[in-house]
Structure formats: structure tokens, C-alpha cells
């Protein structure tokens, strides 16, 4: 029975650590940009590099 109490104590301790990390991330501004992640896949970052490499030079 004491093993279960120890496991419960450590699980509550880990949960509290994750909650503290989440609160710290929210307060430090990690979740302020809601628009960019939803449209990031639509942006083609390497379009210029691909076009430059595939063009034929005469």
C-alpha cells in the first residue's frame, strides 16, 4: 500500500511540474502568435532556390 502512495505522490509532483511549465510558457509569450502556425504550410520558403537551380542557362 505504501508503494501506491509513493507513486501517487510522484505523479502529482510531475503533474504540478508540467502545470508550472505550461503557466511559465503562457506568461512568457509562447502562445501569442495564433495566425502564423495555421498558414505556415501555405508559404513556400525555398521557391526562389528551387527556381534558380532548375533554370537552364544557355
N, C-alpha and C. Protein backbone atom coordinates (compact mmCIF):
# COMPACT_ATOMS: atom_id res chain seq x y z
N UNK A 1 0.82 -1.20 0.00
CA UNK A 1 0.00 0.00 0.00
C UNK A 1 0.86 1.26 0.00
N UNK A 2 2.02 1.19 0.63
CA UNK A 2 2.88 2.37 0.67
C UNK A 2 3.47 2.68 -0.71
N UNK A 3 3.62 1.66 -1.55
CA UNK A 3 4.13 1.89 -2.89
C UNK A 3 3.13 2.70 -3.70
N UNK A 4 1.87 2.44 -3.55
CA UNK A 4 0.83 3.20 -4.26
C UNK A 4 0.85 4.66 -3.82
N UNK A 5 1.04 4.91 -2.53
CA UNK A 5 1.10 6.28 -2.02
C UNK A 5 2.31 7.01 -2.60
N UNK A 6 3.43 6.32 -2.70
CA UNK A 6 4.63 6.93 -3.27
C UNK A 6 4.41 7.26 -4.75
N UNK A 7 3.80 6.33 -5.49
CA UNK A 7 3.53 6.56 -6.91
C UNK A 7 2.55 7.72 -7.11
N UNK A 8 1.54 7.80 -6.28
CA UNK A 8 0.59 8.91 -6.37
C UNK A 8 1.28 10.23 -6.07
N UNK A 9 2.15 10.23 -5.06
CA UNK A 9 2.88 11.45 -4.72
C UNK A 9 3.75 11.91 -5.89
N UNK A 10 4.49 11.01 -6.50
CA UNK A 10 5.35 11.38 -7.62
C UNK A 10 4.55 11.78 -8.86
N UNK A 11 3.41 11.15 -9.08
CA UNK A 11 2.59 11.54 -10.23
C UNK A 11 2.01 12.94 -10.03
N UNK A 12 1.61 13.28 -8.82
CA UNK A 12 1.12 14.63 -8.53
C UNK A 12 2.26 15.63 -8.67
N UNK A 13 3.45 15.25 -8.25
CA UNK A 13 4.61 16.11 -8.37
C UNK A 13 4.95 16.38 -9.85
N UNK A 14 4.91 15.36 -10.67
CA UNK A 14 5.18 15.53 -12.11
C UNK A 14 4.08 16.37 -12.76
N UNK A 15 2.84 16.13 -12.39
CA UNK A 15 1.74 16.93 -12.95
C UNK A 15 1.88 18.40 -12.56
N UNK A 16 2.29 18.67 -11.33
CA UNK A 16 2.50 20.05 -10.90
C UNK A 16 3.66 20.69 -11.66
N UNK A 17 4.69 19.92 -11.97
CA UNK A 17 5.81 20.45 -12.73
C UNK A 17 5.38 20.80 -14.15
N UNK A 18 4.57 19.94 -14.78
CA UNK A 18 4.07 20.24 -16.12
C UNK A 18 3.14 21.44 -16.11
N UNK A 19 2.33 21.58 -15.09
CA UNK A 19 1.45 22.74 -14.98
C UNK A 19 2.26 24.02 -14.80
N UNK A 20 3.30 23.96 -14.00
CA UNK A 20 4.17 25.13 -13.82
C UNK A 20 4.87 25.50 -15.12
N UNK A 21 5.33 24.50 -15.87
CA UNK A 21 5.98 24.77 -17.15
C UNK A 21 5.00 25.38 -18.15
N UNK A 22 3.77 24.90 -18.16
CA UNK A 22 2.75 25.45 -19.05
C UNK A 22 2.43 26.89 -18.68
N UNK A 23 2.27 27.17 -17.42
CA UNK A 23 1.97 28.54 -16.98
C UNK A 23 3.13 29.46 -17.32
N UNK A 24 4.37 28.99 -17.13
CA UNK A 24 5.54 29.79 -17.49
C UNK A 24 5.56 30.07 -18.99
N UNK A 25 5.22 29.08 -19.82
CA UNK A 25 5.23 29.28 -21.27
C UNK A 25 4.17 30.28 -21.69
N UNK A 26 3.01 30.23 -21.07
CA UNK A 26 1.95 31.18 -21.41
C UNK A 26 2.34 32.59 -21.00
N UNK A 27 2.93 32.74 -19.83
CA UNK A 27 3.31 34.07 -19.36
C UNK A 27 4.48 34.65 -20.14
N UNK A 28 5.33 33.80 -20.70
CA UNK A 28 6.49 34.30 -21.44
C UNK A 28 6.16 34.57 -22.90
N UNK A 29 4.92 34.30 -23.34
CA UNK A 29 4.50 34.66 -24.68
C UNK A 29 4.67 33.58 -25.72
N UNK A 30 4.78 32.34 -25.34
CA UNK A 30 4.97 31.26 -26.30
C UNK A 30 3.74 31.02 -27.17
N UNK A 31 2.58 31.38 -26.69
CA UNK A 31 1.34 31.09 -27.42
C UNK A 31 0.64 32.35 -27.92
N UNK A 32 1.38 33.43 -28.15
CA UNK A 32 0.75 34.67 -28.58
C UNK A 32 0.43 34.68 -30.07
N UNK A 33 1.24 34.03 -30.90
CA UNK A 33 1.03 34.04 -32.34
C UNK A 33 0.11 32.89 -32.72
N UNK A 34 -1.14 33.22 -32.98
CA UNK A 34 -2.12 32.19 -33.34
C UNK A 34 -2.32 32.08 -34.84
N UNK A 35 -1.89 33.07 -35.61
CA UNK A 35 -2.16 33.09 -37.04
C UNK A 35 -1.09 32.34 -37.85
N UNK A 36 0.17 32.60 -37.57
CA UNK A 36 1.25 32.07 -38.40
C UNK A 36 1.29 30.53 -38.46
N UNK A 37 1.16 29.80 -37.37
CA UNK A 37 1.22 28.34 -37.50
C UNK A 37 0.14 27.74 -38.38
N UNK A 38 -1.01 28.39 -38.46
CA UNK A 38 -2.10 27.83 -39.26
C UNK A 38 -1.89 28.02 -40.75
N UNK A 39 -1.09 29.00 -41.15
CA UNK A 39 -0.86 29.24 -42.57
C UNK A 39 0.59 29.00 -42.99
N UNK A 40 1.41 28.51 -42.09
CA UNK A 40 2.82 28.30 -42.39
C UNK A 40 3.02 27.32 -43.53
N UNK A 41 2.16 26.33 -43.64
CA UNK A 41 2.30 25.34 -44.70
C UNK A 41 2.01 25.93 -46.07
N UNK A 42 1.30 27.05 -46.11
CA UNK A 42 0.97 27.67 -47.38
C UNK A 42 2.13 28.48 -47.95
N UNK A 43 3.09 28.85 -47.12
CA UNK A 43 4.24 29.63 -47.56
C UNK A 43 5.30 28.72 -48.13
N UNK A 44 5.86 29.09 -49.27
CA UNK A 44 6.91 28.30 -49.89
C UNK A 44 8.23 29.02 -49.66
N UNK A 45 8.98 28.60 -48.67
CA UNK A 45 10.21 29.29 -48.29
C UNK A 45 11.32 29.11 -49.32
N UNK A 46 11.42 27.94 -49.94
CA UNK A 46 12.52 27.64 -50.85
C UNK A 46 12.15 27.82 -52.31
N UNK A 47 11.13 28.57 -52.62
CA UNK A 47 10.70 28.73 -54.01
C UNK A 47 11.77 29.40 -54.85
N UNK A 48 12.45 30.38 -54.30
CA UNK A 48 13.48 31.06 -55.07
C UNK A 48 14.67 30.16 -55.32
N UNK A 49 15.07 29.39 -54.35
CA UNK A 49 16.20 28.49 -54.52
C UNK A 49 15.91 27.37 -55.50
N UNK A 50 14.71 26.86 -55.52
CA UNK A 50 14.34 25.80 -56.45
C UNK A 50 14.31 26.34 -57.88
N UNK A 51 13.74 27.52 -58.06
CA UNK A 51 13.66 28.10 -59.40
C UNK A 51 15.02 28.44 -59.96
N UNK A 52 15.92 28.88 -59.13
CA UNK A 52 17.25 29.23 -59.59
C UNK A 52 18.03 28.00 -60.03
N UNK A 53 17.84 26.88 -59.34
CA UNK A 53 18.57 25.67 -59.66
C UNK A 53 18.02 24.96 -60.88
N UNK A 54 16.76 25.12 -61.20
CA UNK A 54 16.16 24.38 -62.30
C UNK A 54 16.17 25.14 -63.61
N UNK A 55 16.52 26.40 -63.60
CA UNK A 55 16.56 27.18 -64.84
C UNK A 55 17.75 26.75 -65.68
N UNK A 56 17.53 26.65 -66.98
CA UNK A 56 18.63 26.32 -67.89
C UNK A 56 19.35 27.59 -68.29
N UNK A 57 20.67 27.51 -68.28
CA UNK A 57 21.46 28.65 -68.69
C UNK A 57 22.08 28.33 -70.04
N UNK A 58 21.80 29.18 -71.01
CA UNK A 58 22.32 28.94 -72.37
C UNK A 58 23.63 29.66 -72.60
